[in-house]
Amino acid sequence: MIEGPTLVAEAHASGWPLVELYLGPDGVDPCHGAVPVVRLAKGVVEQVATTVTPQPVLALAERRTAAADRLLGDFVLAADGVADPGNLGTILRSAEASGVSAVVLATGTVDPFNPKVVRSSAGSLFRVAISEVVAIDALAHDGRQVHSTSSHAGVPYDEVDWRGPIAIVLGNEAHGVSAAMPGRSVIIPHVGPAESLNVAMAATVLCFEVARQRRHATRHP
């Protein structure tokens, strides 16, 4: 379920398969007749939407993820048990903005089609390649260097060469990455007593460092 005219319009513009559109009494069709419309009586949207004060536009969409044999590309982000839907949505948003080629979701990660993930991704969910079938320990098979995040030990992130094919593994909010996760650990050094960064914020810092290095390499070969 996609809620709100802006997100519905984003999904439609991205070519996401929409099944039906549901409009409350004041709802306006953001797809301009391209999707079958069901008109809802007053008060119905409030009963079925997941937000406190919902907008009068909802859409039912098909689930769609990348196929198992899809080429994931040379900049992969992997979520290993990320549990909070707001975090995953923000990770998807940063992934798109920084040029991530695919996001891999391991077992234990929140459903990417959770309504809060959809909202917090701000439309990026509809444009980023997402895989729920590729195993994280197989990411290195295509020649990628695998790096796992850590809050206590590892190579500082700004001392890593991120310009080649890579995969960055992000762990669970409470427990970090799985003990047997492949690759070397990287850290984001910080000052003060804070134990660690929020996983979505850490993902953003790392993704844009990758983007910065690759942009610099392109300008200065």
C-alpha atoms as a PDB file:
ATOM      1  CA  MET A   1       0.000   0.000   0.000  1.00  0.00           C
ATOM      2  CA  ILE A   2       1.280   3.448  -0.979  1.00  0.00           C
ATOM      3  CA  GLU A   3      -0.157   6.440   0.830  1.00  0.00           C
ATOM      4  CA  GLY A   4      -0.384  10.047  -0.333  1.00  0.00           C
ATOM      5  CA  PRO A   5      -0.553  11.661  -3.783  1.00  0.00           C
ATOM      6  CA  THR A   6       3.155  12.516  -3.953  1.00  0.00           C
ATOM      7  CA  LEU A   7       4.364   8.953  -3.337  1.00  0.00           C
ATOM      8  CA  VAL A   8       1.693   7.487  -5.602  1.00  0.00           C
ATOM      9  CA  ALA A   9       2.751   9.865  -8.372  1.00  0.00           C
ATOM     10  CA  GLU A  10       6.419   8.930  -7.785  1.00  0.00           C
ATOM     11  CA  ALA A  11       5.582   5.235  -8.082  1.00  0.00           C
ATOM     12  CA  HIS A  12       3.595   5.776 -11.268  1.00  0.00           C
ATOM     13  CA  ALA A  13       6.292   7.954 -12.844  1.00  0.00           C
ATOM     14  CA  SER A  14       8.888   5.288 -12.017  1.00  0.00           C
ATOM     15  CA  GLY A  15       6.908   2.621 -13.858  1.00  0.00           C
ATOM     16  CA  TRP A  16       5.983   0.743 -10.700  1.00  0.00           C
ATOM     17  CA  PRO A  17       3.030  -1.610 -11.291  1.00  0.00           C
ATOM     18  CA  LEU A  18      -0.023  -0.082  -9.592  1.00  0.00           C
ATOM     19  CA  VAL A  19      -3.108  -2.299  -9.308  1.00  0.00           C
ATOM     20  CA  GLU A  20      -5.761   0.139  -8.073  1.00  0.00           C
ATOM     21  CA  LEU A  21      -6.071   3.690  -6.830  1.00  0.00           C
ATOM     22  CA  TYR A  22      -8.337   4.552  -3.874  1.00  0.00           C
ATOM     23  CA  LEU A  23      -9.596   8.106  -3.523  1.00  0.00           C
ATOM     24  CA  GLY A  24     -11.431   9.646  -0.611  1.00  0.00           C
ATOM     25  CA  PRO A  25     -14.107  12.318  -1.186  1.00  0.00           C
ATOM     26  CA  ASP A  26     -11.464  15.050  -1.623  1.00  0.00           C
ATOM     27  CA  GLY A  27      -8.892  12.880  -3.421  1.00  0.00           C
ATOM     28  CA  VAL A  28      -7.519  13.850  -6.825  1.00  0.00           C
ATOM     29  CA  ASP A  29      -6.112  11.209  -9.183  1.00  0.00           C
ATOM     30  CA  PRO A  30      -2.312  11.740  -9.390  1.00  0.00           C
ATOM     31  CA  CYS A  31      -2.048   9.159 -12.205  1.00  0.00           C
ATOM     32  CA  HIS A  32      -4.463  11.007 -14.504  1.00  0.00           C
ATOM     33  CA  GLY A  33      -6.629   8.020 -15.369  1.00  0.00           C
ATOM     34  CA  ALA A  34      -3.793   5.537 -16.019  1.00  0.00           C
ATOM     35  CA  VAL A  35      -4.746   3.327 -13.041  1.00  0.00           C
ATOM     36  CA  PRO A  36      -8.228   1.955 -12.160  1.00  0.00           C
ATOM     37  CA  VAL A  37      -9.869   4.166  -9.521  1.00  0.00           C
ATOM     38  CA  VAL A  38     -12.098   3.144  -6.610  1.00  0.00           C
ATOM     39  CA  ARG A  39     -13.956   5.958  -4.853  1.00  0.00           C
ATOM     40  CA  LEU A  40     -14.190   5.607  -1.076  1.00  0.00           C
ATOM     41  CA  ALA A  41     -16.892   6.955   1.192  1.00  0.00           C
ATOM     42  CA  LYS A  42     -16.110   9.555   3.818  1.00  0.00           C
ATOM     43  CA  GLY A  43     -14.132   8.129   6.738  1.00  0.00           C
ATOM     44  CA  VAL A  44     -12.922   4.975   4.982  1.00  0.00           C
ATOM     45  CA  VAL A  45      -9.399   6.227   4.246  1.00  0.00           C
ATOM     46  CA  GLU A  46      -8.917   7.025   7.937  1.00  0.00           C
ATOM     47  CA  GLN A  47      -9.757   3.420   8.829  1.00  0.00           C
ATOM     48  CA  VAL A  48      -7.341   1.727   6.432  1.00  0.00           C
ATOM     49  CA  ALA A  49      -4.371   4.115   6.225  1.00  0.00           C
ATOM     50  CA  THR A  50      -1.384   3.741   8.562  1.00  0.00           C
ATOM     51  CA  THR A  51      -0.796   7.464   9.191  1.00  0.00           C
ATOM     52  CA  VAL A  52      -2.588   9.481  11.876  1.00  0.00           C
ATOM     53  CA  THR A  53      -3.932  12.127   9.482  1.00  0.00           C
ATOM     54  CA  PRO A  54      -3.902  10.394   6.086  1.00  0.00           C
ATOM     55  CA  GLN A  55      -4.230  12.109   2.740  1.00  0.00           C
ATOM     56  CA  PRO A  56      -7.226  10.961   0.634  1.00  0.00           C
ATOM     57  CA  VAL A  57      -5.116   9.059  -1.910  1.00  0.00           C
ATOM     58  CA  LEU A  58      -4.014   5.432  -1.583  1.00  0.00           C
ATOM     59  CA  ALA A  59      -2.699   2.943  -4.119  1.00  0.00           C
ATOM     60  CA  LEU A  60      -2.280  -0.812  -4.117  1.00  0.00           C
ATOM     61  CA  ALA A  61       0.968  -1.821  -5.827  1.00  0.00           C
ATOM     62  CA  GLU A  62       2.588  -5.097  -6.793  1.00  0.00           C
ATOM     63  CA  ARG A  63       5.695  -6.176  -4.908  1.00  0.00           C
ATOM     64  CA  ARG A  64       8.759  -6.036  -7.124  1.00  0.00           C
ATOM     65  CA  THR A  65      12.389  -6.860  -6.349  1.00  0.00           C
ATOM     66  CA  ALA A  66      15.447  -7.623  -8.447  1.00  0.00           C
ATOM     67  CA  ALA A  67      15.764 -11.129  -9.895  1.00  0.00           C
ATOM     68  CA  ALA A  68      18.340 -13.515  -8.473  1.00  0.00           C
ATOM     69  CA  ASP A  69      20.472 -13.377 -11.595  1.00  0.00           C
ATOM     70  CA  ARG A  70      20.424  -9.597 -11.919  1.00  0.00           C
ATOM     71  CA  LEU A  71      23.870  -8.015 -12.171  1.00  0.00           C
ATOM     72  CA  LEU A  72      24.062  -6.026  -8.951  1.00  0.00           C
ATOM     73  CA  GLY A  73      26.723  -3.592 -10.167  1.00  0.00           C
ATOM     74  CA  ASP A  74      29.884  -2.286  -8.575  1.00  0.00           C
ATOM     75  CA  PHE A  75      28.422  -0.331  -5.616  1.00  0.00           C
ATOM     76  CA  VAL A  76      26.242  -2.576  -3.470  1.00  0.00           C
ATOM     77  CA  LEU A  77      24.737  -1.791  -0.077  1.00  0.00           C
ATOM     78  CA  ALA A  78      23.644  -4.743   2.057  1.00  0.00           C
ATOM     79  CA  ALA A  79      21.365  -4.681   5.113  1.00  0.00           C
ATOM     80  CA  ASP A  80      22.101  -7.490   7.577  1.00  0.00           C
ATOM     81  CA  GLY A  81      19.166  -7.527   9.973  1.00  0.00           C
ATOM     82  CA  VAL A  82      18.267  -3.824   9.873  1.00  0.00           C
ATOM     83  CA  ALA A  83      15.034  -3.920  11.876  1.00  0.00           C
ATOM     84  CA  ASP A  84      13.667  -0.390  11.992  1.00  0.00           C
ATOM     85  CA  PRO A  85      11.551   0.542   8.946  1.00  0.00           C
ATOM     86  CA  GLY A  86      12.456   4.222   9.218  1.00  0.00           C
ATOM     87  CA  ASN A  87      16.134   3.297   9.073  1.00  0.00           C
ATOM     88  CA  LEU A  88      15.710   1.104   6.006  1.00  0.00           C
ATOM     89  CA  GLY A  89      13.698   3.774   4.214  1.00  0.00           C
ATOM     90  CA  THR A  90      16.381   6.370   4.930  1.00  0.00           C
ATOM     91  CA  ILE A  91      19.079   3.940   3.750  1.00  0.00           C
ATOM     92  CA  LEU A  92      17.235   3.495   0.452  1.00  0.00           C
ATOM     93  CA  ARG A  93      16.948   7.261   0.078  1.00  0.00           C
ATOM     94  CA  SER A  94      20.692   7.769   0.667  1.00  0.00           C
ATOM     95  CA  ALA A  95      21.475   4.818  -1.594  1.00  0.00           C
ATOM     96  CA  GLU A  96      19.710   6.399  -4.536  1.00  0.00           C
ATOM     97  CA  ALA A  97      21.176   9.844  -3.907  1.00  0.00           C
ATOM     98  CA  SER A  98      24.755   8.542  -3.731  1.00  0.00           C
ATOM     99  CA  GLY A  99      24.597   6.250  -6.764  1.00  0.00           C
ATOM    100  CA  VAL A 100      24.305   2.805  -5.167  1.00  0.00           C
ATOM    101  CA  SER A 101      23.695   0.210  -7.882  1.00  0.00           C
ATOM    102  CA  ALA A 102      21.690  -2.233  -5.725  1.00  0.00           C
ATOM    103  CA  VAL A 103      20.563  -2.846  -2.149  1.00  0.00           C
ATOM    104  CA  VAL A 104      20.646  -6.420  -0.850  1.00  0.00           C
ATOM    105  CA  LEU A 105      18.408  -7.341   2.095  1.00  0.00           C
ATOM    106  CA  ALA A 106      19.478 -10.297   4.221  1.00  0.00           C
ATOM    107  CA  THR A 107      17.198 -12.483   6.334  1.00  0.00           C
ATOM    108  CA  GLY A 108      16.026 -10.616   9.420  1.00  0.00           C
ATOM    109  CA  THR A 109      15.813  -7.239   7.704  1.00  0.00           C
ATOM    110  CA  VAL A 110      12.470  -5.456   7.842  1.00  0.00           C
ATOM    111  CA  ASP A 111      10.085  -5.906   4.894  1.00  0.00           C
ATOM    112  CA  PRO A 112      11.007  -3.227   2.317  1.00  0.00           C
ATOM    113  CA  PHE A 113       7.294  -2.769   1.564  1.00  0.00           C
ATOM    114  CA  ASN A 114       6.398  -1.932   5.146  1.00  0.00           C
ATOM    115  CA  PRO A 115       4.356   1.322   4.943  1.00  0.00           C
ATOM    116  CA  LYS A 116       6.902   3.224   7.052  1.00  0.00           C
ATOM    117  CA  VAL A 117       9.737   2.078   4.781  1.00  0.00           C
ATOM    118  CA  VAL A 118       7.759   3.261   1.759  1.00  0.00           C
ATOM    119  CA  ARG A 119       7.134   6.683   3.321  1.00  0.00           C
ATOM    120  CA  SER A 120      10.633   7.269   4.689  1.00  0.00           C
ATOM    121  CA  SER A 121      12.254   6.250   1.396  1.00  0.00           C
ATOM    122  CA  ALA A 122      10.599   9.331  -0.168  1.00  0.00           C
ATOM    123  CA  GLY A 123      10.125   7.509  -3.470  1.00  0.00           C
ATOM    124  CA  SER A 124      13.598   5.947  -3.683  1.00  0.00           C
ATOM    125  CA  LEU A 125      12.076   2.514  -3.073  1.00  0.00           C
ATOM    126  CA  PHE A 126      10.567   2.697  -6.556  1.00  0.00           C
ATOM    127  CA  ARG A 127      13.870   3.429  -8.295  1.00  0.00           C
ATOM    128  CA  VAL A 128      16.584   1.497  -6.414  1.00  0.00           C
ATOM    129  CA  ALA A 129      17.238  -2.140  -7.352  1.00  0.00           C
ATOM    130  CA  ILE A 130      16.396  -4.230  -4.272  1.00  0.00           C
ATOM    131  CA  SER A 131      17.251  -7.909  -3.878  1.00  0.00           C
ATOM    132  CA  GLU A 132      15.934 -10.231  -1.179  1.00  0.00           C
ATOM    133  CA  VAL A 133      17.423 -13.374  -2.722  1.00  0.00           C
ATOM    134  CA  VAL A 134      21.164 -12.670  -3.052  1.00  0.00           C
ATOM    135  CA  ALA A 135      23.170 -13.970  -0.089  1.00  0.00           C
ATOM    136  CA  ILE A 136      25.507 -11.423   1.467  1.00  0.00           C
ATOM    137  CA  ASP A 137      28.343 -13.933   1.636  1.00  0.00           C
ATOM    138  CA  ALA A 138      28.115 -14.277  -2.157  1.00  0.00           C
ATOM    139  CA  LEU A 139      28.709 -10.574  -2.839  1.00  0.00           C
ATOM    140  CA  ALA A 140      32.462 -11.050  -3.189  1.00  0.00           C
ATOM    141  CA  HIS A 141      32.045 -13.704  -5.907  1.00  0.00           C
ATOM    142  CA  ASP A 142      31.819 -11.089  -8.655  1.00  0.00           C
ATOM    143  CA  GLY A 143      35.089  -9.455  -7.667  1.00  0.00           C
ATOM    144  CA  ARG A 144      33.733  -6.962  -5.128  1.00  0.00           C
ATOM    145  CA  GLN A 145      35.618  -5.968  -2.009  1.00  0.00           C
ATOM    146  CA  VAL A 146      33.260  -6.492   0.941  1.00  0.00           C
ATOM    147  CA  HIS A 147      33.394  -4.089   3.890  1.00  0.00           C
ATOM    148  CA  SER A 148      31.370  -4.526   7.079  1.00  0.00           C
ATOM    149  CA  THR A 149      30.549  -1.648   9.400  1.00  0.00           C
ATOM    150  CA  SER A 150      31.651  -1.698  13.024  1.00  0.00           C
ATOM    151  CA  SER A 151      31.166   0.657  15.960  1.00  0.00           C
ATOM    152  CA  HIS A 152      34.373  -0.292  17.804  1.00  0.00           C
ATOM    153  CA  ALA A 153      37.186  -1.597  15.576  1.00  0.00           C
ATOM    154  CA  GLY A 154      38.276  -1.437  11.973  1.00  0.00           C
ATOM    155  CA  VAL A 155      39.849   0.741   9.303  1.00  0.00           C
ATOM    156  CA  PRO A 156      38.695   4.392   9.363  1.00  0.00           C
ATOM    157  CA  TYR A 157      36.256   4.842   6.480  1.00  0.00           C
ATOM    158  CA  ASP A 158      38.156   7.790   5.007  1.00  0.00           C
ATOM    159  CA  GLU A 159      41.314   5.664   4.703  1.00  0.00           C
ATOM    160  CA  VAL A 160      39.615   3.057   2.489  1.00  0.00           C
ATOM    161  CA  ASP A 161      39.878   3.120  -1.305  1.00  0.00           C
ATOM    162  CA  TRP A 162      36.226   2.914  -2.377  1.00  0.00           C
ATOM    163  CA  ARG A 163      36.770   3.376  -6.109  1.00  0.00           C
ATOM    164  CA  GLY A 164      36.633  -0.276  -7.216  1.00  0.00           C
ATOM    165  CA  PRO A 165      33.715  -2.743  -7.100  1.00  0.00           C
ATOM    166  CA  ILE A 166      32.531  -2.817  -3.489  1.00  0.00           C
ATOM    167  CA  ALA A 167      29.802  -3.970  -1.140  1.00  0.00           C
ATOM    168  CA  ILE A 168      29.131  -2.299   2.214  1.00  0.00           C
ATOM    169  CA  VAL A 169      27.345  -4.399   4.848  1.00  0.00           C
ATOM    170  CA  LEU A 170      25.262  -2.595   7.479  1.00  0.00           C
ATOM    171  CA  GLY A 171      24.290  -4.444  10.629  1.00  0.00           C
ATOM    172  CA  ASN A 172      21.395  -4.644  13.052  1.00  0.00           C
ATOM    173  CA  GLU A 173      20.777  -1.550  15.186  1.00  0.00           C
ATOM    174  CA  ALA A 174      21.494  -3.368  18.465  1.00  0.00           C
ATOM    175  CA  HIS A 175      23.869  -6.179  17.525  1.00  0.00           C
ATOM    176  CA  GLY A 176      25.745  -4.998  14.442  1.00  0.00           C
ATOM    177  CA  VAL A 177      26.670  -7.301  11.575  1.00  0.00           C
ATOM    178  CA  SER A 178      26.599 -11.094  11.882  1.00  0.00           C
ATOM    179  CA  ALA A 179      29.689 -12.623  13.463  1.00  0.00           C
ATOM    180  CA  ALA A 180      30.603 -14.572  10.325  1.00  0.00           C
ATOM    181  CA  MET A 181      30.177 -11.630   7.951  1.00  0.00           C
ATOM    182  CA  PRO A 182      32.830 -11.563   5.196  1.00  0.00           C
ATOM    183  CA  GLY A 183      35.263  -8.751   4.468  1.00  0.00           C
ATOM    184  CA  ARG A 184      37.111  -6.281   6.623  1.00  0.00           C
ATOM    185  CA  SER A 185      35.537  -3.933   9.151  1.00  0.00           C
ATOM    186  CA  VAL A 186      35.380  -0.186   8.700  1.00  0.00           C
ATOM    187  CA  ILE A 187      34.585   2.416  11.346  1.00  0.00           C
ATOM    188  CA  ILE A 188      33.473   6.038  11.360  1.00  0.00           C
ATOM    189  CA  PRO A 189      35.676   7.701  13.997  1.00  0.00           C
ATOM    190  CA  HIS A 190      33.836  10.065  16.283  1.00  0.00           C
ATOM    191  CA  VAL A 191      34.469  12.057  19.440  1.00  0.00           C
ATOM    192  CA  GLY A 192      32.516  12.129  22.665  1.00  0.00           C
ATOM    193  CA  PRO A 193      30.812   9.344  24.624  1.00  0.00           C
ATOM    194  CA  ALA A 194      28.260   8.359  21.964  1.00  0.00           C
ATOM    195  CA  GLU A 195      28.514   4.609  21.419  1.00  0.00           C
ATOM    196  CA  SER A 196      27.793   4.672  17.683  1.00  0.00           C
ATOM    197  CA  LEU A 197      25.924   6.399  14.905  1.00  0.00           C
ATOM    198  CA  ASN A 198      22.424   5.441  13.880  1.00  0.00           C
ATOM    199  CA  VAL A 199      22.719   2.817  11.122  1.00  0.00           C
ATOM    200  CA  ALA A 200      20.956   4.988   8.548  1.00  0.00           C
ATOM    201  CA  MET A 201      23.231   7.937   9.332  1.00  0.00           C
ATOM    202  CA  ALA A 202      26.295   5.682   9.114  1.00  0.00           C
ATOM    203  CA  ALA A 203      25.089   4.417   5.746  1.00  0.00           C
ATOM    204  CA  THR A 204      24.717   7.994   4.521  1.00  0.00           C
ATOM    205  CA  VAL A 205      28.240   8.966   5.614  1.00  0.00           C
ATOM    206  CA  LEU A 206      29.770   5.908   3.949  1.00  0.00           C
ATOM    207  CA  CYS A 207      27.753   6.164   0.743  1.00  0.00           C
ATOM    208  CA  PHE A 208      28.683   9.771   0.161  1.00  0.00           C
ATOM    209  CA  GLU A 209      32.350   9.092   0.871  1.00  0.00           C
ATOM    210  CA  VAL A 210      32.188   6.463  -1.874  1.00  0.00           C
ATOM    211  CA  ALA A 211      30.480   8.969  -4.163  1.00  0.00           C
ATOM    212  CA  ARG A 212      33.045  11.664  -3.319  1.00  0.00           C
ATOM    213  CA  GLN A 213      36.025   9.419  -4.092  1.00  0.00           C
ATOM    214  CA  ARG A 214      34.518   8.233  -7.363  1.00  0.00           C
ATOM    215  CA  ARG A 215      33.601  11.733  -8.445  1.00  0.00           C
ATOM    216  CA  HIS A 216      37.127  12.947  -7.664  1.00  0.00           C
ATOM    217  CA  ALA A 217      38.650  10.032  -9.570  1.00  0.00           C
ATOM    218  CA  THR A 218      36.522  10.882 -12.601  1.00  0.00           C
ATOM    219  CA  ARG A 219      37.635  14.503 -12.584  1.00  0.00           C
ATOM    220  CA  HIS A 220      41.301  13.700 -11.902  1.00  0.00           C
ATOM    221  CA  PRO A 221      42.202  10.407 -13.626  1.00  0.00           C
END
